[in-house]
Amino acid sequence: MNGVELFLLGRTLMKVGEQAMPEPVTGSRGSVRSVLVTLGEIAADPGTTVGEIAARTGLPQSQVSTAVARLVEAGSVETEPDPADRRRRLVRPAADPSVRVAEVRAATVDDALAAALAGPDGAAPDPAVLHAVTEALATLARHLAPGRPVPPTG
């Protein structure tokens, strides 16, 4: 596998992840990617600012601001004034996540993964292939997402 193949695989995995997200009760799904990238940065560096997230991710500051607003509305993150500069706000994971956050965290990728592996005619994927891919994803998660528990498969 080369870098381009890995990048394209990553895009495919992001699409499967997006499909696995439960639809919000109100409003639209919107840009899931920018929200998840932003949330990942907040989780990795609690107490960060919108400008710092934009600088680290390459996302426009306006897009990060919109993502933070959506995350605050969903109950995923909280903001507070930056003691060093009261014009800025620090963003951190919510101490008490909302019901929506719990719903998203509880959603599995099983159906979205099965749909992605379905045959061209929409036939269910081979169970052995589905199991092998699920195991491979669990292995990747253990090694590439430290600190995130991986539920047992199977």
N, C-alpha and C. Protein backbone atom coordinates (compact mmCIF):
# COMPACT_ATOMS: atom_id res chain seq x y z
N MET A 1 0.86 -1.17 0.00
CA MET A 1 0.00 0.00 0.00
C MET A 1 0.90 1.23 0.00
N ASN A 2 0.53 2.21 -0.81
CA ASN A 2 1.29 3.46 -0.81
C ASN A 2 0.46 4.56 -0.14
N GLY A 3 1.03 5.73 -0.04
CA GLY A 3 0.36 6.83 0.65
C GLY A 3 -0.97 7.22 0.03
N VAL A 4 -1.04 7.21 -1.29
CA VAL A 4 -2.30 7.56 -1.97
C VAL A 4 -3.37 6.52 -1.66
N GLU A 5 -3.00 5.25 -1.72
CA GLU A 5 -3.97 4.20 -1.41
C GLU A 5 -4.46 4.31 0.04
N LEU A 6 -3.54 4.59 0.95
CA LEU A 6 -3.93 4.75 2.35
C LEU A 6 -4.86 5.95 2.52
N PHE A 7 -4.54 7.06 1.85
CA PHE A 7 -5.40 8.24 1.92
C PHE A 7 -6.79 7.93 1.41
N LEU A 8 -6.89 7.27 0.26
CA LEU A 8 -8.19 6.94 -0.31
C LEU A 8 -8.96 5.96 0.58
N LEU A 9 -8.26 5.01 1.18
CA LEU A 9 -8.90 4.10 2.13
C LEU A 9 -9.44 4.89 3.32
N GLY A 10 -8.66 5.84 3.80
CA GLY A 10 -9.12 6.69 4.90
C GLY A 10 -10.39 7.43 4.54
N ARG A 11 -10.48 7.95 3.32
CA ARG A 11 -11.70 8.64 2.88
C ARG A 11 -12.89 7.69 2.86
N THR A 12 -12.66 6.47 2.40
CA THR A 12 -13.73 5.48 2.38
C THR A 12 -14.19 5.16 3.81
N LEU A 13 -13.24 5.01 4.71
CA LEU A 13 -13.58 4.73 6.11
C LEU A 13 -14.35 5.90 6.72
N MET A 14 -13.97 7.13 6.37
CA MET A 14 -14.72 8.28 6.87
C MET A 14 -16.17 8.24 6.39
N LYS A 15 -16.36 7.86 5.14
CA LYS A 15 -17.72 7.78 4.60
C LYS A 15 -18.53 6.71 5.33
N VAL A 16 -17.92 5.58 5.63
CA VAL A 16 -18.61 4.52 6.39
C VAL A 16 -18.97 5.06 7.78
N GLY A 17 -18.03 5.75 8.40
CA GLY A 17 -18.28 6.33 9.72
C GLY A 17 -19.42 7.34 9.68
N GLU A 18 -19.46 8.16 8.64
CA GLU A 18 -20.56 9.13 8.51
C GLU A 18 -21.90 8.43 8.38
N GLN A 19 -21.93 7.36 7.61
CA GLN A 19 -23.18 6.61 7.43
C GLN A 19 -23.63 5.96 8.73
N ALA A 20 -22.68 5.66 9.61
CA ALA A 20 -23.02 5.01 10.88
C ALA A 20 -23.57 5.98 11.91
N MET A 21 -23.38 7.27 11.69
CA MET A 21 -23.86 8.27 12.65
C MET A 21 -25.38 8.35 12.61
N PRO A 22 -26.01 8.29 13.77
CA PRO A 22 -27.47 8.44 13.77
C PRO A 22 -27.86 9.86 13.36
N GLU A 23 -28.93 9.98 12.60
CA GLU A 23 -29.41 11.29 12.16
C GLU A 23 -29.84 12.11 13.37
N PRO A 24 -29.55 13.42 13.36
CA PRO A 24 -30.05 14.25 14.45
C PRO A 24 -31.57 14.36 14.38
N VAL A 25 -32.20 14.51 15.53
CA VAL A 25 -33.66 14.62 15.59
C VAL A 25 -34.11 15.89 14.90
N THR A 26 -33.39 16.98 15.13
CA THR A 26 -33.72 18.25 14.50
C THR A 26 -32.55 18.73 13.68
N GLY A 27 -32.84 19.57 12.72
CA GLY A 27 -31.78 20.13 11.90
C GLY A 27 -31.24 19.12 10.91
N SER A 28 -30.17 19.51 10.24
CA SER A 28 -29.59 18.62 9.24
C SER A 28 -28.29 18.04 9.75
N ARG A 29 -27.85 17.03 9.05
CA ARG A 29 -26.59 16.37 9.40
C ARG A 29 -25.44 17.36 9.21
N GLY A 30 -25.51 18.19 8.17
CA GLY A 30 -24.48 19.19 7.93
C GLY A 30 -23.13 18.54 7.64
N SER A 31 -22.07 19.28 7.85
CA SER A 31 -20.73 18.80 7.58
C SER A 31 -20.22 17.98 8.76
N VAL A 32 -20.40 16.69 8.68
CA VAL A 32 -19.98 15.80 9.75
C VAL A 32 -18.46 15.79 9.87
N ARG A 33 -17.77 15.84 8.74
CA ARG A 33 -16.30 15.75 8.78
C ARG A 33 -15.67 16.88 9.57
N SER A 34 -16.07 18.12 9.29
CA SER A 34 -15.44 19.24 10.00
C SER A 34 -15.77 19.19 11.49
N VAL A 35 -16.97 18.75 11.82
CA VAL A 35 -17.36 18.64 13.23
C VAL A 35 -16.52 17.56 13.91
N LEU A 36 -16.34 16.42 13.27
CA LEU A 36 -15.58 15.34 13.87
C LEU A 36 -14.09 15.66 13.97
N VAL A 37 -13.56 16.33 12.94
CA VAL A 37 -12.16 16.74 13.00
C VAL A 37 -11.96 17.72 14.16
N THR A 38 -12.89 18.67 14.27
CA THR A 38 -12.82 19.65 15.36
C THR A 38 -12.94 18.96 16.71
N LEU A 39 -13.90 18.06 16.85
CA LEU A 39 -14.07 17.34 18.11
C LEU A 39 -12.83 16.53 18.46
N GLY A 40 -12.23 15.90 17.48
CA GLY A 40 -11.00 15.14 17.72
C GLY A 40 -9.89 16.01 18.25
N GLU A 41 -9.76 17.21 17.72
CA GLU A 41 -8.75 18.15 18.20
C GLU A 41 -9.03 18.60 19.62
N ILE A 42 -10.31 18.84 19.92
CA ILE A 42 -10.69 19.27 21.28
C ILE A 42 -10.41 18.14 22.28
N ALA A 43 -10.73 16.91 21.89
CA ALA A 43 -10.48 15.77 22.79
C ALA A 43 -8.98 15.57 23.01
N ALA A 44 -8.19 15.79 21.96
CA ALA A 44 -6.75 15.59 22.06
C ALA A 44 -6.07 16.72 22.83
N ASP A 45 -6.66 17.92 22.79
CA ASP A 45 -6.05 19.08 23.42
C ASP A 45 -7.13 19.93 24.10
N PRO A 46 -7.70 19.45 25.22
CA PRO A 46 -8.75 20.21 25.90
C PRO A 46 -8.24 21.59 26.31
N GLY A 47 -9.13 22.56 26.24
CA GLY A 47 -8.74 23.92 26.60
C GLY A 47 -8.09 24.66 25.44
N THR A 48 -8.34 24.20 24.24
CA THR A 48 -7.78 24.80 23.04
C THR A 48 -8.71 25.91 22.53
N THR A 49 -8.23 26.71 21.60
CA THR A 49 -9.05 27.78 21.02
C THR A 49 -9.42 27.44 19.59
N VAL A 50 -10.42 28.13 19.07
CA VAL A 50 -10.84 27.94 17.68
C VAL A 50 -9.68 28.21 16.73
N GLY A 51 -8.93 29.28 17.00
CA GLY A 51 -7.79 29.61 16.14
C GLY A 51 -6.73 28.54 16.15
N GLU A 52 -6.47 27.96 17.31
CA GLU A 52 -5.47 26.89 17.40
C GLU A 52 -5.94 25.65 16.64
N ILE A 53 -7.22 25.33 16.75
CA ILE A 53 -7.76 24.18 16.02
C ILE A 53 -7.64 24.42 14.52
N ALA A 54 -7.99 25.62 14.08
CA ALA A 54 -7.89 25.95 12.66
C ALA A 54 -6.45 25.83 12.17
N ALA A 55 -5.51 26.30 12.96
CA ALA A 55 -4.10 26.22 12.57
C ALA A 55 -3.63 24.77 12.48
N ARG A 56 -4.05 23.93 13.42
CA ARG A 56 -3.60 22.52 13.42
C ARG A 56 -4.25 21.70 12.32
N THR A 57 -5.50 22.00 11.98
CA THR A 57 -6.24 21.17 11.03
C THR A 57 -6.20 21.69 9.60
N GLY A 58 -5.94 22.97 9.45
CA GLY A 58 -6.00 23.56 8.11
C GLY A 58 -7.41 23.94 7.70
N LEU A 59 -8.38 23.72 8.59
CA LEU A 59 -9.76 24.14 8.30
C LEU A 59 -9.86 25.65 8.46
N PRO A 60 -10.72 26.30 7.67
CA PRO A 60 -10.91 27.74 7.88
C PRO A 60 -11.47 28.00 9.27
N GLN A 61 -11.07 29.12 9.87
CA GLN A 61 -11.51 29.44 11.22
C GLN A 61 -13.03 29.53 11.30
N SER A 62 -13.67 30.02 10.26
CA SER A 62 -15.13 30.11 10.26
C SER A 62 -15.77 28.73 10.33
N GLN A 63 -15.16 27.76 9.66
CA GLN A 63 -15.69 26.39 9.68
C GLN A 63 -15.51 25.76 11.07
N VAL A 64 -14.37 26.03 11.70
CA VAL A 64 -14.14 25.53 13.05
C VAL A 64 -15.12 26.18 14.02
N SER A 65 -15.33 27.49 13.88
CA SER A 65 -16.30 28.19 14.75
C SER A 65 -17.69 27.59 14.62
N THR A 66 -18.10 27.31 13.38
CA THR A 66 -19.41 26.70 13.15
C THR A 66 -19.48 25.32 13.78
N ALA A 67 -18.40 24.54 13.62
CA ALA A 67 -18.36 23.20 14.20
C ALA A 67 -18.44 23.27 15.72
N VAL A 68 -17.72 24.20 16.33
CA VAL A 68 -17.75 24.35 17.79
C VAL A 68 -19.16 24.72 18.23
N ALA A 69 -19.81 25.62 17.51
CA ALA A 69 -21.18 26.01 17.87
C ALA A 69 -22.11 24.81 17.81
N ARG A 70 -21.96 23.97 16.79
CA ARG A 70 -22.79 22.76 16.69
C ARG A 70 -22.50 21.80 17.84
N LEU A 71 -21.23 21.67 18.20
CA LEU A 71 -20.85 20.77 19.29
C LEU A 71 -21.36 21.27 20.63
N VAL A 72 -21.35 22.58 20.82
CA VAL A 72 -21.91 23.16 22.05
C VAL A 72 -23.41 22.89 22.10
N GLU A 73 -24.07 23.13 20.97
CA GLU A 73 -25.53 22.89 20.90
C GLU A 73 -25.88 21.43 21.16
N ALA A 74 -25.03 20.52 20.69
CA ALA A 74 -25.27 19.09 20.88
C ALA A 74 -24.90 18.63 22.29
N GLY A 75 -24.22 19.47 23.06
CA GLY A 75 -23.83 19.09 24.40
C GLY A 75 -22.54 18.30 24.45
N SER A 76 -21.74 18.39 23.40
CA SER A 76 -20.50 17.64 23.32
C SER A 76 -19.33 18.38 23.93
N VAL A 77 -19.34 19.71 23.80
CA VAL A 77 -18.25 20.52 24.31
C VAL A 77 -18.80 21.73 25.07
N GLU A 78 -17.93 22.34 25.83
CA GLU A 78 -18.26 23.56 26.56
C GLU A 78 -17.18 24.59 26.26
N THR A 79 -17.55 25.85 26.37
CA THR A 79 -16.56 26.91 26.18
C THR A 79 -16.52 27.79 27.42
N GLU A 80 -15.38 28.45 27.59
CA GLU A 80 -15.22 29.39 28.69
C GLU A 80 -14.23 30.46 28.25
N PRO A 81 -14.30 31.66 28.82
CA PRO A 81 -13.35 32.71 28.44
C PRO A 81 -11.92 32.28 28.72
N ASP A 82 -11.02 32.67 27.84
CA ASP A 82 -9.59 32.42 28.01
C ASP A 82 -9.06 33.43 29.02
N PRO A 83 -8.55 32.98 30.17
CA PRO A 83 -8.06 33.93 31.17
C PRO A 83 -6.92 34.82 30.65
N ALA A 84 -6.18 34.33 29.66
CA ALA A 84 -5.06 35.10 29.11
C ALA A 84 -5.53 36.16 28.12
N ASP A 85 -6.69 35.96 27.52
CA ASP A 85 -7.23 36.90 26.53
C ASP A 85 -8.74 36.74 26.51
N ARG A 86 -9.44 37.61 27.20
CA ARG A 86 -10.90 37.48 27.37
C ARG A 86 -11.67 37.53 26.05
N ARG A 87 -11.02 37.92 24.96
CA ARG A 87 -11.72 37.94 23.66
C ARG A 87 -11.84 36.53 23.07
N ARG A 88 -10.98 35.64 23.50
CA ARG A 88 -11.00 34.27 23.00
C ARG A 88 -11.74 33.36 23.97
N ARG A 89 -12.18 32.22 23.45
CA ARG A 89 -12.84 31.23 24.29
C ARG A 89 -12.06 29.93 24.20
N LEU A 90 -11.94 29.25 25.33
CA LEU A 90 -11.32 27.92 25.38
C LEU A 90 -12.41 26.88 25.23
N VAL A 91 -12.11 25.84 24.49
CA VAL A 91 -13.08 24.79 24.21
C VAL A 91 -12.58 23.49 24.83
N ARG A 92 -13.49 22.78 25.51
CA ARG A 92 -13.12 21.51 26.14
C ARG A 92 -14.32 20.56 26.05
N PRO A 93 -14.06 19.26 26.16
CA PRO A 93 -15.18 18.31 26.17
C PRO A 93 -16.13 18.62 27.32
N ALA A 94 -17.40 18.40 27.11
CA ALA A 94 -18.41 18.65 28.14
C ALA A 94 -18.20 17.70 29.31
N ALA A 95 -18.33 18.25 30.51
CA ALA A 95 -18.20 17.43 31.71
C ALA A 95 -19.34 16.43 31.81
N ASP A 96 -20.52 16.82 31.35
CA ASP A 96 -21.70 15.97 31.40
C ASP A 96 -22.32 15.92 30.00
N PRO A 97 -21.85 14.99 29.14
CA PRO A 97 -22.33 14.95 27.76
C PRO A 97 -23.85 14.74 27.68
N SER A 98 -24.43 15.25 26.60
CA SER A 98 -25.87 15.21 26.39
C SER A 98 -26.34 13.82 25.95
N VAL A 99 -27.65 13.68 25.87
CA VAL A 99 -28.27 12.45 25.38
C VAL A 99 -27.84 12.19 23.94
N ARG A 100 -27.75 13.26 23.13
CA ARG A 100 -27.34 13.12 21.73
C ARG A 100 -25.92 12.56 21.65
N VAL A 101 -25.03 13.05 22.49
CA VAL A 101 -23.66 12.56 22.50
C VAL A 101 -23.64 11.07 22.85
N ALA A 102 -24.41 10.68 23.85
CA ALA A 102 -24.49 9.27 24.23
C ALA A 102 -25.03 8.43 23.08
N GLU A 103 -26.02 8.96 22.37
CA GLU A 103 -26.60 8.25 21.22
C GLU A 103 -25.56 8.02 20.13
N VAL A 104 -24.79 9.06 19.81
CA VAL A 104 -23.77 8.95 18.77
C VAL A 104 -22.68 7.97 19.20
N ARG A 105 -22.26 8.06 20.46
CA ARG A 105 -21.21 7.16 20.95
C ARG A 105 -21.67 5.71 20.98
N ALA A 106 -22.96 5.47 21.17
CA ALA A 106 -23.48 4.11 21.26
C ALA A 106 -23.72 3.48 19.89
N ALA A 107 -23.77 4.30 18.85
CA ALA A 107 -24.04 3.77 17.51
C ALA A 107 -22.87 2.91 17.04
N THR A 108 -23.18 1.80 16.44
CA THR A 108 -22.13 0.94 15.90
C THR A 108 -22.02 1.15 14.40
N VAL A 109 -20.95 0.65 13.84
CA VAL A 109 -20.73 0.76 12.40
C VAL A 109 -21.22 -0.48 11.65
N ASP A 110 -21.82 -1.41 12.36
CA ASP A 110 -22.18 -2.70 11.76
C ASP A 110 -22.97 -2.58 10.47
N ASP A 111 -24.08 -1.83 10.48
CA ASP A 111 -24.93 -1.73 9.29
C ASP A 111 -24.22 -0.97 8.17
N ALA A 112 -23.53 0.12 8.50
CA ALA A 112 -22.83 0.90 7.48
C ALA A 112 -21.70 0.08 6.87
N LEU A 113 -21.01 -0.70 7.68
CA LEU A 113 -19.93 -1.54 7.17
C LEU A 113 -20.48 -2.64 6.27
N ALA A 114 -21.58 -3.24 6.69
CA ALA A 114 -22.21 -4.28 5.85
C ALA A 114 -22.66 -3.69 4.52
N ALA A 115 -23.20 -2.47 4.55
CA ALA A 115 -23.63 -1.82 3.30
C ALA A 115 -22.44 -1.53 2.40
N ALA A 116 -21.32 -1.10 2.99
CA ALA A 116 -20.13 -0.79 2.20
C ALA A 116 -19.53 -2.05 1.59
N LEU A 117 -19.71 -3.19 2.23
CA LEU A 117 -19.14 -4.45 1.74
C LEU A 117 -20.12 -5.27 0.92
N ALA A 118 -21.34 -4.76 0.76
CA ALA A 118 -22.36 -5.49 0.00
C ALA A 118 -21.92 -5.67 -1.45
N GLY A 119 -22.45 -6.70 -2.05
CA GLY A 119 -22.14 -6.96 -3.45
C GLY A 119 -22.74 -5.90 -4.35
N PRO A 120 -22.33 -5.89 -5.63
CA PRO A 120 -22.82 -4.87 -6.56
C PRO A 120 -24.35 -4.91 -6.73
N ASP A 121 -24.92 -6.08 -6.50
CA ASP A 121 -26.38 -6.22 -6.62
C ASP A 121 -27.08 -5.93 -5.28
N GLY A 122 -26.31 -5.50 -4.28
CA GLY A 122 -26.89 -5.21 -2.97
C GLY A 122 -26.96 -6.42 -2.06
N ALA A 123 -26.43 -7.53 -2.52
CA ALA A 123 -26.45 -8.76 -1.71
C ALA A 123 -25.60 -8.57 -0.46
N ALA A 124 -26.00 -9.21 0.61
CA ALA A 124 -25.27 -9.13 1.87
C ALA A 124 -23.83 -9.58 1.66
N PRO A 125 -22.90 -8.96 2.37
CA PRO A 125 -21.51 -9.38 2.21
C PRO A 125 -21.27 -10.77 2.78
N ASP A 126 -20.22 -11.40 2.31
CA ASP A 126 -19.80 -12.69 2.83
C ASP A 126 -19.50 -12.50 4.32
N PRO A 127 -20.11 -13.29 5.20
CA PRO A 127 -19.87 -13.14 6.64
C PRO A 127 -18.40 -13.22 7.03
N ALA A 128 -17.63 -14.05 6.33
CA ALA A 128 -16.20 -14.18 6.64
C ALA A 128 -15.46 -12.88 6.31
N VAL A 129 -15.85 -12.23 5.21
CA VAL A 129 -15.22 -10.96 4.83
C VAL A 129 -15.61 -9.88 5.84
N LEU A 130 -16.89 -9.84 6.20
CA LEU A 130 -17.35 -8.86 7.18
C LEU A 130 -16.61 -9.04 8.50
N HIS A 131 -16.44 -10.26 8.94
CA HIS A 131 -15.71 -10.54 10.18
C HIS A 131 -14.25 -10.11 10.06
N ALA A 132 -13.61 -10.44 8.94
CA ALA A 132 -12.19 -10.09 8.75
C ALA A 132 -11.99 -8.57 8.75
N VAL A 133 -12.88 -7.84 8.09
CA VAL A 133 -12.76 -6.39 8.04
C VAL A 133 -13.02 -5.80 9.43
N THR A 134 -14.00 -6.32 10.14
CA THR A 134 -14.29 -5.84 11.50
C THR A 134 -13.09 -6.06 12.41
N GLU A 135 -12.46 -7.22 12.31
CA GLU A 135 -11.27 -7.51 13.11
C GLU A 135 -10.11 -6.59 12.72
N ALA A 136 -9.95 -6.34 11.43
CA ALA A 136 -8.87 -5.45 10.97
C ALA A 136 -9.09 -4.03 11.52
N LEU A 137 -10.33 -3.56 11.51
CA LEU A 137 -10.63 -2.23 12.05
C LEU A 137 -10.36 -2.18 13.56
N ALA A 138 -10.70 -3.24 14.27
CA ALA A 138 -10.43 -3.29 15.71
C ALA A 138 -8.92 -3.23 15.97
N THR A 139 -8.15 -3.93 15.15
CA THR A 139 -6.69 -3.92 15.30
C THR A 139 -6.15 -2.52 15.02
N LEU A 140 -6.61 -1.89 13.96
CA LEU A 140 -6.18 -0.52 13.65
C LEU A 140 -6.53 0.43 14.79
N ALA A 141 -7.72 0.31 15.32
CA ALA A 141 -8.16 1.19 16.41
C ALA A 141 -7.28 1.00 17.64
N ARG A 142 -6.92 -0.22 17.94
CA ARG A 142 -6.07 -0.47 19.11
C ARG A 142 -4.70 0.18 18.95
N HIS A 143 -4.18 0.16 17.73
CA HIS A 143 -2.83 0.64 17.50
C HIS A 143 -2.74 2.10 17.08
N LEU A 144 -3.78 2.62 16.46
CA LEU A 144 -3.72 3.98 15.93
C LEU A 144 -4.58 4.96 16.69
N ALA A 145 -5.39 4.49 17.61
CA ALA A 145 -6.22 5.38 18.43
C ALA A 145 -6.03 5.02 19.89
N PRO A 146 -4.81 5.23 20.41
CA PRO A 146 -4.56 4.86 21.81
C PRO A 146 -5.47 5.60 22.75
N GLY A 147 -5.81 4.91 23.82
CA GLY A 147 -6.69 5.52 24.82
C GLY A 147 -8.17 5.35 24.51
N ARG A 148 -8.48 4.81 23.37
CA ARG A 148 -9.88 4.58 23.02
C ARG A 148 -10.16 3.09 23.12
N PRO A 149 -11.03 2.70 24.05
CA PRO A 149 -11.31 1.27 24.19
C PRO A 149 -12.01 0.74 22.95
N VAL A 150 -11.64 -0.44 22.57
CA VAL A 150 -12.25 -1.09 21.41
C VAL A 150 -13.15 -2.20 21.93
N PRO A 151 -14.46 -2.11 21.61
CA PRO A 151 -15.35 -3.17 22.09
C PRO A 151 -15.00 -4.50 21.44
N PRO A 152 -15.22 -5.59 22.15
CA PRO A 152 -14.93 -6.90 21.56
C PRO A 152 -15.84 -7.15 20.37
N THR A 153 -15.32 -7.83 19.38
CA THR A 153 -16.11 -8.16 18.18
C THR A 153 -16.58 -9.59 18.26
N GLY A 154 -17.54 -9.84 17.42
CA GLY A 154 -17.88 -11.20 17.23
C GLY A 154 -18.99 -11.79 17.85
